[in-house]
Amino acid sequence: MRRLLVMSTMGALLALGACQRTSEPAAPAAPVTSAPASAVALRTHTFQCGDLAVAATFDGVGAVDLGFTGGPLTLPQVESDSAERFVDSQGNEFSFKGDEITLTLAGQEKRNCSLVAPGS
């Protein structure tokens, strides 16, 4: 996910570099600040996890919001060397390792998930 953020930022910078310059004087540069959380681009994807349809919204800053029958769930991202993992203290986990996507809800068996193509 971090690689995607870096690549998106680089793409935006390249696109800006290709813009045509005008003869107007440049305005003074504004100080660089972090974007407020409300300005972070949210990405939502739909997954089929066994018998459960799940809408996953990634906030880009270390958490995923899961929407499914049974209620919403927000999972913080945890450090992992081999996978993208979102886990809470109740035993809920949503993870990606290569092409393998899994969802484990507290007290239930692990579900294998697949990405649902947009418009399907």
N, C-alpha and C. Protein backbone atom coordinates (compact mmCIF):
# COMPACT_ATOMS: atom_id res chain seq x y z
N MET A 1 0.83 -1.17 0.00
CA MET A 1 0.00 0.00 0.00
C MET A 1 0.88 1.24 0.00
N ARG A 2 2.00 1.19 0.73
CA ARG A 2 2.89 2.35 0.75
C ARG A 2 3.48 2.57 -0.63
N ARG A 3 3.81 1.46 -1.36
CA ARG A 3 4.35 1.60 -2.69
C ARG A 3 3.36 2.29 -3.61
N LEU A 4 2.08 1.97 -3.47
CA LEU A 4 1.05 2.59 -4.30
C LEU A 4 0.98 4.08 -4.02
N LEU A 5 1.06 4.48 -2.75
CA LEU A 5 1.03 5.89 -2.39
C LEU A 5 2.22 6.63 -2.98
N VAL A 6 3.42 6.02 -2.89
CA VAL A 6 4.62 6.65 -3.44
C VAL A 6 4.50 6.77 -4.95
N MET A 7 4.03 5.70 -5.61
CA MET A 7 3.91 5.73 -7.06
C MET A 7 2.87 6.76 -7.50
N SER A 8 1.77 6.88 -6.77
CA SER A 8 0.74 7.87 -7.10
C SER A 8 1.30 9.28 -6.97
N THR A 9 2.06 9.52 -5.92
CA THR A 9 2.66 10.83 -5.70
C THR A 9 3.65 11.16 -6.82
N MET A 10 4.47 10.16 -7.21
CA MET A 10 5.44 10.39 -8.28
C MET A 10 4.72 10.68 -9.59
N GLY A 11 3.64 9.96 -9.87
CA GLY A 11 2.87 10.20 -11.09
C GLY A 11 2.30 11.60 -11.12
N ALA A 12 1.80 12.07 -9.99
CA ALA A 12 1.24 13.42 -9.91
C ALA A 12 2.33 14.46 -10.14
N LEU A 13 3.51 14.23 -9.58
CA LEU A 13 4.60 15.17 -9.77
C LEU A 13 5.05 15.21 -11.23
N LEU A 14 5.11 14.05 -11.88
CA LEU A 14 5.48 14.01 -13.29
C LEU A 14 4.44 14.75 -14.14
N ALA A 15 3.17 14.55 -13.82
CA ALA A 15 2.11 15.23 -14.58
C ALA A 15 2.21 16.74 -14.40
N LEU A 16 2.50 17.18 -13.20
CA LEU A 16 2.64 18.62 -12.95
C LEU A 16 3.84 19.18 -13.69
N GLY A 17 4.91 18.41 -13.79
CA GLY A 17 6.10 18.86 -14.48
C GLY A 17 5.86 19.06 -15.97
N ALA A 18 4.87 18.36 -16.51
CA ALA A 18 4.58 18.47 -17.94
C ALA A 18 3.66 19.65 -18.26
N CYS A 19 3.18 20.35 -17.25
CA CYS A 19 2.28 21.49 -17.49
C CYS A 19 3.04 22.62 -18.17
N GLN A 20 2.31 23.37 -19.01
CA GLN A 20 2.91 24.49 -19.74
C GLN A 20 3.12 25.66 -18.79
N ARG A 21 4.26 26.30 -18.91
CA ARG A 21 4.56 27.46 -18.07
C ARG A 21 3.94 28.70 -18.66
N THR A 22 3.60 29.66 -17.79
CA THR A 22 3.05 30.93 -18.24
C THR A 22 4.08 32.02 -18.00
N SER A 23 3.84 33.20 -18.54
CA SER A 23 4.78 34.30 -18.36
C SER A 23 4.49 35.09 -17.09
N GLU A 24 3.45 34.69 -16.36
CA GLU A 24 3.12 35.39 -15.12
C GLU A 24 4.14 35.06 -14.05
N PRO A 25 4.44 36.01 -13.16
CA PRO A 25 5.40 35.72 -12.10
C PRO A 25 4.84 34.66 -11.15
N ALA A 26 5.73 33.85 -10.65
CA ALA A 26 5.31 32.77 -9.74
C ALA A 26 4.96 33.34 -8.38
N ALA A 27 3.95 32.77 -7.76
CA ALA A 27 3.58 33.18 -6.41
C ALA A 27 4.59 32.58 -5.44
N PRO A 28 4.77 33.22 -4.28
CA PRO A 28 5.70 32.66 -3.29
C PRO A 28 5.23 31.26 -2.90
N ALA A 29 6.19 30.38 -2.70
CA ALA A 29 5.87 29.00 -2.34
C ALA A 29 5.27 28.95 -0.94
N ALA A 30 4.22 28.18 -0.79
CA ALA A 30 3.61 27.98 0.52
C ALA A 30 4.41 26.94 1.29
N PRO A 31 4.44 27.02 2.60
CA PRO A 31 5.16 26.01 3.38
C PRO A 31 4.53 24.64 3.16
N VAL A 32 5.39 23.62 3.15
CA VAL A 32 4.91 22.24 2.97
C VAL A 32 4.34 21.75 4.28
N THR A 33 3.11 21.24 4.22
CA THR A 33 2.47 20.68 5.41
C THR A 33 1.84 19.36 5.04
N SER A 34 1.52 18.57 6.01
CA SER A 34 0.83 17.31 5.77
C SER A 34 -0.62 17.61 5.42
N ALA A 35 -1.17 16.78 4.54
CA ALA A 35 -2.58 16.93 4.19
C ALA A 35 -3.43 16.51 5.37
N PRO A 36 -4.51 17.22 5.64
CA PRO A 36 -5.39 16.81 6.72
C PRO A 36 -6.01 15.46 6.40
N ALA A 37 -6.38 14.70 7.42
CA ALA A 37 -6.95 13.37 7.23
C ALA A 37 -8.15 13.41 6.29
N SER A 38 -8.93 14.49 6.31
CA SER A 38 -10.11 14.57 5.46
C SER A 38 -9.73 14.69 3.98
N ALA A 39 -8.47 15.05 3.68
CA ALA A 39 -8.05 15.21 2.30
C ALA A 39 -7.44 13.93 1.73
N VAL A 40 -7.28 12.89 2.55
CA VAL A 40 -6.70 11.64 2.09
C VAL A 40 -7.70 10.95 1.16
N ALA A 41 -7.20 10.50 0.02
CA ALA A 41 -8.07 9.83 -0.95
C ALA A 41 -8.40 8.43 -0.44
N LEU A 42 -9.66 8.16 -0.29
CA LEU A 42 -10.11 6.84 0.14
C LEU A 42 -10.29 5.95 -1.07
N ARG A 43 -9.90 4.70 -0.93
CA ARG A 43 -10.09 3.72 -1.99
C ARG A 43 -10.97 2.62 -1.46
N THR A 44 -12.06 2.31 -2.17
CA THR A 44 -12.97 1.24 -1.75
C THR A 44 -12.96 0.14 -2.80
N HIS A 45 -12.83 -1.09 -2.32
CA HIS A 45 -12.87 -2.27 -3.17
C HIS A 45 -13.88 -3.24 -2.57
N THR A 46 -14.49 -4.06 -3.43
CA THR A 46 -15.43 -5.07 -2.96
C THR A 46 -14.80 -6.45 -3.10
N PHE A 47 -14.96 -7.25 -2.05
CA PHE A 47 -14.42 -8.60 -2.02
C PHE A 47 -15.54 -9.58 -1.73
N GLN A 48 -15.41 -10.79 -2.27
CA GLN A 48 -16.30 -11.88 -1.90
C GLN A 48 -15.47 -12.81 -1.03
N CYS A 49 -15.84 -12.90 0.23
CA CYS A 49 -15.10 -13.69 1.22
C CYS A 49 -16.01 -14.85 1.65
N GLY A 50 -15.87 -15.98 0.96
CA GLY A 50 -16.79 -17.09 1.20
C GLY A 50 -18.19 -16.65 0.86
N ASP A 51 -19.09 -16.76 1.83
CA ASP A 51 -20.49 -16.36 1.61
C ASP A 51 -20.75 -14.90 1.97
N LEU A 52 -19.71 -14.15 2.26
CA LEU A 52 -19.84 -12.78 2.75
C LEU A 52 -19.29 -11.76 1.76
N ALA A 53 -20.12 -10.81 1.33
CA ALA A 53 -19.65 -9.69 0.50
C ALA A 53 -19.12 -8.61 1.43
N VAL A 54 -17.92 -8.12 1.13
CA VAL A 54 -17.24 -7.17 2.01
C VAL A 54 -16.78 -5.96 1.19
N ALA A 55 -17.16 -4.77 1.63
CA ALA A 55 -16.64 -3.52 1.05
C ALA A 55 -15.50 -3.06 1.96
N ALA A 56 -14.31 -2.93 1.39
CA ALA A 56 -13.14 -2.52 2.15
C ALA A 56 -12.70 -1.13 1.69
N THR A 57 -12.68 -0.19 2.62
CA THR A 57 -12.25 1.17 2.32
C THR A 57 -10.91 1.41 3.00
N PHE A 58 -9.88 1.65 2.18
CA PHE A 58 -8.53 1.88 2.68
C PHE A 58 -8.31 3.37 2.79
N ASP A 59 -7.90 3.82 3.98
CA ASP A 59 -7.75 5.26 4.20
C ASP A 59 -6.37 5.79 3.82
N GLY A 60 -5.44 4.90 3.51
CA GLY A 60 -4.11 5.33 3.10
C GLY A 60 -3.21 5.74 4.24
N VAL A 61 -3.69 5.68 5.45
CA VAL A 61 -2.87 6.07 6.60
C VAL A 61 -2.80 4.99 7.66
N GLY A 62 -3.12 3.74 7.28
CA GLY A 62 -2.90 2.66 8.22
C GLY A 62 -4.12 1.98 8.78
N ALA A 63 -5.25 2.03 8.11
CA ALA A 63 -6.44 1.33 8.59
C ALA A 63 -7.33 0.96 7.42
N VAL A 64 -8.21 0.00 7.65
CA VAL A 64 -9.20 -0.38 6.66
C VAL A 64 -10.56 -0.43 7.37
N ASP A 65 -11.58 0.11 6.70
CA ASP A 65 -12.96 0.02 7.20
C ASP A 65 -13.65 -1.05 6.38
N LEU A 66 -14.19 -2.05 7.07
CA LEU A 66 -14.89 -3.14 6.40
C LEU A 66 -16.38 -3.00 6.61
N GLY A 67 -17.13 -3.08 5.54
CA GLY A 67 -18.59 -3.04 5.60
C GLY A 67 -19.14 -4.38 5.13
N PHE A 68 -19.97 -5.01 5.93
CA PHE A 68 -20.54 -6.31 5.60
C PHE A 68 -21.76 -6.55 6.46
N THR A 69 -22.54 -7.58 6.11
CA THR A 69 -23.70 -7.94 6.92
C THR A 69 -23.19 -8.31 8.31
N GLY A 70 -23.71 -7.69 9.31
CA GLY A 70 -23.25 -7.93 10.67
C GLY A 70 -22.60 -6.69 11.27
N GLY A 71 -22.39 -5.69 10.47
CA GLY A 71 -21.90 -4.43 11.00
C GLY A 71 -20.58 -3.99 10.46
N PRO A 72 -20.25 -2.72 10.59
CA PRO A 72 -18.97 -2.20 10.14
C PRO A 72 -17.86 -2.58 11.13
N LEU A 73 -16.63 -2.58 10.61
CA LEU A 73 -15.48 -2.95 11.42
C LEU A 73 -14.28 -2.17 10.91
N THR A 74 -13.54 -1.52 11.81
CA THR A 74 -12.32 -0.81 11.43
C THR A 74 -11.14 -1.56 12.02
N LEU A 75 -10.18 -1.90 11.16
CA LEU A 75 -9.00 -2.64 11.59
C LEU A 75 -7.75 -1.82 11.32
N PRO A 76 -6.89 -1.65 12.32
CA PRO A 76 -5.63 -0.95 12.11
C PRO A 76 -4.61 -1.86 11.41
N GLN A 77 -3.74 -1.24 10.61
CA GLN A 77 -2.69 -2.01 9.95
C GLN A 77 -1.60 -2.33 10.95
N VAL A 78 -1.04 -3.54 10.86
CA VAL A 78 0.05 -3.95 11.73
C VAL A 78 1.28 -4.26 10.88
N GLU A 79 2.45 -4.15 11.48
CA GLU A 79 3.70 -4.44 10.79
C GLU A 79 3.75 -5.92 10.43
N SER A 80 4.19 -6.20 9.21
CA SER A 80 4.35 -7.57 8.75
C SER A 80 5.38 -7.59 7.64
N ASP A 81 6.30 -8.55 7.69
CA ASP A 81 7.33 -8.65 6.66
C ASP A 81 6.80 -9.25 5.37
N SER A 82 5.76 -10.08 5.47
CA SER A 82 5.36 -10.85 4.29
C SER A 82 3.96 -10.56 3.78
N ALA A 83 3.19 -9.70 4.45
CA ALA A 83 1.81 -9.47 4.03
C ALA A 83 1.35 -8.09 4.47
N GLU A 84 0.26 -7.63 3.84
CA GLU A 84 -0.44 -6.44 4.32
C GLU A 84 -1.48 -6.99 5.29
N ARG A 85 -1.38 -6.62 6.57
CA ARG A 85 -2.26 -7.17 7.59
C ARG A 85 -2.95 -6.05 8.36
N PHE A 86 -4.25 -6.25 8.59
CA PHE A 86 -5.07 -5.35 9.38
C PHE A 86 -5.71 -6.21 10.46
N VAL A 87 -5.41 -5.90 11.74
CA VAL A 87 -5.79 -6.79 12.84
C VAL A 87 -6.25 -5.96 14.03
N ASP A 88 -7.25 -6.49 14.77
CA ASP A 88 -7.62 -5.85 16.03
C ASP A 88 -7.44 -6.83 17.18
N SER A 89 -7.65 -6.37 18.39
CA SER A 89 -7.42 -7.19 19.58
C SER A 89 -8.51 -8.22 19.83
N GLN A 90 -9.63 -8.17 19.07
CA GLN A 90 -10.71 -9.14 19.25
C GLN A 90 -10.54 -10.38 18.37
N GLY A 91 -9.51 -10.43 17.55
CA GLY A 91 -9.27 -11.58 16.69
C GLY A 91 -9.77 -11.42 15.27
N ASN A 92 -10.12 -10.22 14.87
CA ASN A 92 -10.53 -9.94 13.50
C ASN A 92 -9.28 -9.63 12.68
N GLU A 93 -9.21 -10.16 11.44
CA GLU A 93 -8.04 -9.93 10.60
C GLU A 93 -8.43 -9.94 9.12
N PHE A 94 -7.88 -8.98 8.39
CA PHE A 94 -8.04 -8.90 6.94
C PHE A 94 -6.63 -8.79 6.40
N SER A 95 -6.21 -9.72 5.51
CA SER A 95 -4.81 -9.70 5.06
C SER A 95 -4.66 -10.06 3.59
N PHE A 96 -3.55 -9.56 3.03
CA PHE A 96 -3.17 -9.81 1.64
C PHE A 96 -1.75 -10.35 1.64
N LYS A 97 -1.54 -11.48 1.00
CA LYS A 97 -0.19 -12.01 0.81
C LYS A 97 -0.14 -12.55 -0.60
N GLY A 98 0.53 -11.81 -1.49
CA GLY A 98 0.53 -12.18 -2.91
C GLY A 98 -0.90 -12.11 -3.43
N ASP A 99 -1.37 -13.18 -4.03
CA ASP A 99 -2.74 -13.24 -4.54
C ASP A 99 -3.72 -13.76 -3.50
N GLU A 100 -3.23 -14.14 -2.33
CA GLU A 100 -4.09 -14.69 -1.29
C GLU A 100 -4.65 -13.58 -0.40
N ILE A 101 -5.98 -13.50 -0.34
CA ILE A 101 -6.67 -12.51 0.48
C ILE A 101 -7.55 -13.28 1.45
N THR A 102 -7.45 -12.96 2.73
CA THR A 102 -8.25 -13.68 3.72
C THR A 102 -8.92 -12.72 4.70
N LEU A 103 -10.04 -13.18 5.23
CA LEU A 103 -10.77 -12.46 6.27
C LEU A 103 -11.08 -13.45 7.38
N THR A 104 -10.71 -13.09 8.60
CA THR A 104 -11.06 -13.89 9.76
C THR A 104 -11.82 -12.98 10.72
N LEU A 105 -13.05 -13.35 11.02
CA LEU A 105 -13.84 -12.61 12.00
C LEU A 105 -13.76 -13.36 13.32
N ALA A 106 -13.71 -12.64 14.42
CA ALA A 106 -13.55 -13.23 15.75
C ALA A 106 -14.52 -14.38 15.96
N GLY A 107 -13.98 -15.55 16.35
CA GLY A 107 -14.80 -16.70 16.64
C GLY A 107 -15.27 -17.47 15.42
N GLN A 108 -14.83 -17.08 14.22
CA GLN A 108 -15.24 -17.76 13.00
C GLN A 108 -14.02 -18.28 12.26
N GLU A 109 -14.27 -19.19 11.31
CA GLU A 109 -13.18 -19.73 10.51
C GLU A 109 -12.70 -18.70 9.49
N LYS A 110 -11.45 -18.86 9.07
CA LYS A 110 -10.86 -17.99 8.06
C LYS A 110 -11.60 -18.17 6.74
N ARG A 111 -11.90 -17.05 6.07
CA ARG A 111 -12.55 -17.06 4.76
C ARG A 111 -11.53 -16.62 3.71
N ASN A 112 -11.48 -17.33 2.60
CA ASN A 112 -10.68 -16.91 1.44
C ASN A 112 -11.50 -15.89 0.67
N CYS A 113 -10.86 -14.83 0.22
CA CYS A 113 -11.56 -13.75 -0.46
C CYS A 113 -11.03 -13.60 -1.88
N SER A 114 -11.89 -13.03 -2.73
CA SER A 114 -11.47 -12.66 -4.08
C SER A 114 -12.01 -11.27 -4.37
N LEU A 115 -11.24 -10.51 -5.13
CA LEU A 115 -11.63 -9.16 -5.51
C LEU A 115 -12.76 -9.23 -6.52
N VAL A 116 -13.80 -8.45 -6.31
CA VAL A 116 -14.92 -8.38 -7.24
C VAL A 116 -14.64 -7.23 -8.19
N ALA A 117 -14.68 -7.52 -9.49
CA ALA A 117 -14.42 -6.49 -10.49
C ALA A 117 -15.47 -5.40 -10.41
N PRO A 118 -15.09 -4.12 -10.57
CA PRO A 118 -16.07 -3.03 -10.56
C PRO A 118 -17.15 -3.26 -11.62
N GLY A 119 -18.38 -3.00 -11.27
CA GLY A 119 -19.50 -3.17 -12.19
C GLY A 119 -20.04 -4.57 -12.25
N SER A 120 -19.46 -5.49 -11.47
CA SER A 120 -19.95 -6.88 -11.48
C SER A 120 -21.12 -7.08 -10.56
